[in-house]
Amino acid sequence: MLLGLLMSVLLGLLASVLLGLLESVLLGLLVSVLLGLLVSVLLGLLGFVLLGLLGSMLLGLLDSVLLGYLSPYC
């Protein structure tokens, strides 16, 4: 009877430790995935904005160069 009680306590403790470890690993994975997703979305938006600014500056430069070349002929 004492051995059964000891085995029951040990099995309960082992199950509790294993479930705690599993919960912490899954929570860590979830936080890691969410942070990675947030960082990638923010970097994507930043890249999109910077690419738009670069394209706008290049188009403005091309426009001013073309107008500079064409203005003596107009």
C-alpha atoms as a PDB file:
ATOM      1  CA  MET A   1       0.000   0.000   0.000  1.00  0.00           C
ATOM      2  CA  LEU A   2       2.828   2.367   0.843  1.00  0.00           C
ATOM      3  CA  LEU A   3       4.609   1.433  -2.377  1.00  0.00           C
ATOM      4  CA  GLY A   4       1.438   2.151  -4.381  1.00  0.00           C
ATOM      5  CA  LEU A   5       1.088   5.548  -2.733  1.00  0.00           C
ATOM      6  CA  LEU A   6       4.738   6.355  -3.439  1.00  0.00           C
ATOM      7  CA  MET A   7       4.401   5.278  -7.082  1.00  0.00           C
ATOM      8  CA  SER A   8       1.243   7.362  -7.446  1.00  0.00           C
ATOM      9  CA  VAL A   9       2.962  10.443  -6.022  1.00  0.00           C
ATOM     10  CA  LEU A  10       6.028   9.939  -8.230  1.00  0.00           C
ATOM     11  CA  LEU A  11       3.926   9.425 -11.367  1.00  0.00           C
ATOM     12  CA  GLY A  12       1.874  12.524 -10.561  1.00  0.00           C
ATOM     13  CA  LEU A  13       5.033  14.544 -10.044  1.00  0.00           C
ATOM     14  CA  LEU A  14       6.538  13.264 -13.289  1.00  0.00           C
ATOM     15  CA  ALA A  15       3.363  14.044 -15.223  1.00  0.00           C
ATOM     16  CA  SER A  16       3.236  17.523 -13.703  1.00  0.00           C
ATOM     17  CA  VAL A  17       6.869  18.228 -14.621  1.00  0.00           C
ATOM     18  CA  LEU A  18       6.409  16.917 -18.172  1.00  0.00           C
ATOM     19  CA  LEU A  19       3.236  18.938 -18.708  1.00  0.00           C
ATOM     20  CA  GLY A  20       4.955  22.044 -17.346  1.00  0.00           C
ATOM     21  CA  LEU A  21       7.880  21.553 -19.716  1.00  0.00           C
ATOM     22  CA  LEU A  22       5.559  20.961 -22.660  1.00  0.00           C
ATOM     23  CA  GLU A  23       3.550  24.062 -21.809  1.00  0.00           C
ATOM     24  CA  SER A  24       6.654  26.239 -21.526  1.00  0.00           C
ATOM     25  CA  VAL A  25       8.060  24.921 -24.819  1.00  0.00           C
ATOM     26  CA  LEU A  26       4.775  25.491 -26.647  1.00  0.00           C
ATOM     27  CA  LEU A  27       4.394  28.957 -25.145  1.00  0.00           C
ATOM     28  CA  GLY A  28       7.970  29.805 -26.133  1.00  0.00           C
ATOM     29  CA  LEU A  29       7.339  28.602 -29.680  1.00  0.00           C
ATOM     30  CA  LEU A  30       4.141  30.629 -29.919  1.00  0.00           C
ATOM     31  CA  VAL A  31       5.833  33.791 -28.680  1.00  0.00           C
ATOM     32  CA  SER A  32       8.770  33.214 -31.026  1.00  0.00           C
ATOM     33  CA  VAL A  33       6.492  32.715 -34.040  1.00  0.00           C
ATOM     34  CA  LEU A  34       4.398  35.778 -33.200  1.00  0.00           C
ATOM     35  CA  LEU A  35       7.471  37.969 -32.694  1.00  0.00           C
ATOM     36  CA  GLY A  36       8.994  36.697 -35.936  1.00  0.00           C
ATOM     37  CA  LEU A  37       5.780  37.437 -37.797  1.00  0.00           C
ATOM     38  CA  LEU A  38       5.570  40.925 -36.319  1.00  0.00           C
ATOM     39  CA  VAL A  39       9.190  41.705 -37.181  1.00  0.00           C
ATOM     40  CA  SER A  40       8.811  40.414 -40.740  1.00  0.00           C
ATOM     41  CA  VAL A  41       5.630  42.442 -41.294  1.00  0.00           C
ATOM     42  CA  LEU A  42       7.259  45.596 -39.920  1.00  0.00           C
ATOM     43  CA  LEU A  43      10.390  45.071 -42.018  1.00  0.00           C
ATOM     44  CA  GLY A  44       8.246  44.419 -45.081  1.00  0.00           C
ATOM     45  CA  LEU A  45       6.324  47.651 -44.538  1.00  0.00           C
ATOM     46  CA  LEU A  46       9.554  49.574 -43.988  1.00  0.00           C
ATOM     47  CA  GLY A  47      11.046  48.109 -47.168  1.00  0.00           C
ATOM     48  CA  PHE A  48       7.901  48.965 -49.107  1.00  0.00           C
ATOM     49  CA  VAL A  49       7.979  52.572 -47.881  1.00  0.00           C
ATOM     50  CA  LEU A  50      11.704  52.943 -48.580  1.00  0.00           C
ATOM     51  CA  LEU A  51      11.292  51.418 -52.042  1.00  0.00           C
ATOM     52  CA  GLY A  52       8.446  53.834 -52.753  1.00  0.00           C
ATOM     53  CA  LEU A  53      10.552  56.795 -51.639  1.00  0.00           C
ATOM     54  CA  LEU A  54      13.497  55.635 -53.744  1.00  0.00           C
ATOM     55  CA  GLY A  55      11.272  55.166 -56.793  1.00  0.00           C
ATOM     56  CA  SER A  56       9.744  58.591 -56.294  1.00  0.00           C
ATOM     57  CA  MET A  57      13.160  60.239 -56.006  1.00  0.00           C
ATOM     58  CA  LEU A  58      14.434  58.444 -59.106  1.00  0.00           C
ATOM     59  CA  LEU A  59      11.356  59.450 -61.099  1.00  0.00           C
ATOM     60  CA  GLY A  60      11.748  63.054 -59.944  1.00  0.00           C
ATOM     61  CA  LEU A  61      15.411  63.034 -60.959  1.00  0.00           C
ATOM     62  CA  LEU A  62      14.601  61.528 -64.347  1.00  0.00           C
ATOM     63  CA  ASP A  63      11.851  64.088 -64.853  1.00  0.00           C
ATOM     64  CA  SER A  64      14.122  67.018 -64.000  1.00  0.00           C
ATOM     65  CA  VAL A  65      16.927  65.690 -66.233  1.00  0.00           C
ATOM     66  CA  LEU A  66      14.558  65.200 -69.145  1.00  0.00           C
ATOM     67  CA  LEU A  67      13.023  68.637 -68.666  1.00  0.00           C
ATOM     68  CA  GLY A  68      16.516  70.128 -68.439  1.00  0.00           C
ATOM     69  CA  TYR A  69      17.488  68.566 -71.755  1.00  0.00           C
ATOM     70  CA  LEU A  70      14.233  69.304 -73.525  1.00  0.00           C
ATOM     71  CA  SER A  71      13.712  72.894 -72.349  1.00  0.00           C
ATOM     72  CA  PRO A  72      16.127  74.510 -74.884  1.00  0.00           C
ATOM     73  CA  TYR A  73      14.243  72.844 -77.726  1.00  0.00           C
ATOM     74  CA  CYS A  74      10.785  73.874 -76.595  1.00  0.00           C
END
